[in-house]
Amino acid sequence: MTLQFVRVAGSLALVLALLLGGLYALKRWGHWMKKTGNDGWIQIIAQHSFGPKHHILLVKVEEEKLLVGVSPQGMHYLSSIPGSAREAFPRADVHEPQSVQSS
């Protein structure tokens, strides 16, 4: 009875060790499995984060550029961007926000 318990416990420990080792390996080296080629028809050109769960993406789909907002509620189309992204979005520090005065 005791020998059988030791064999079952050892087998369980071996299976758990293999699972944990596989999870560790997948987390550590799994990014190599991702497709990282630039030949896809969807590319993320730029990303700006507004917090841990809110950001906007400038996405190129074939030859069209789209501005997409990402939040915990989902992804939302914001705008199409004509021309190059550099022309559409000049440096943010050039244009200071103007305050609105109420009368």
Foldseek 3Di string as FASTA:
>chain_A
DVVVVVVVVVVVVVVVVVVVVVVVCCVVPVVVVDDDDPPDQKDFPDKDDPDPFWIWTFMGHNNWTWIWITGPVGIDTDDTAPDDPCVRDPDPVVDDDDDDDDD
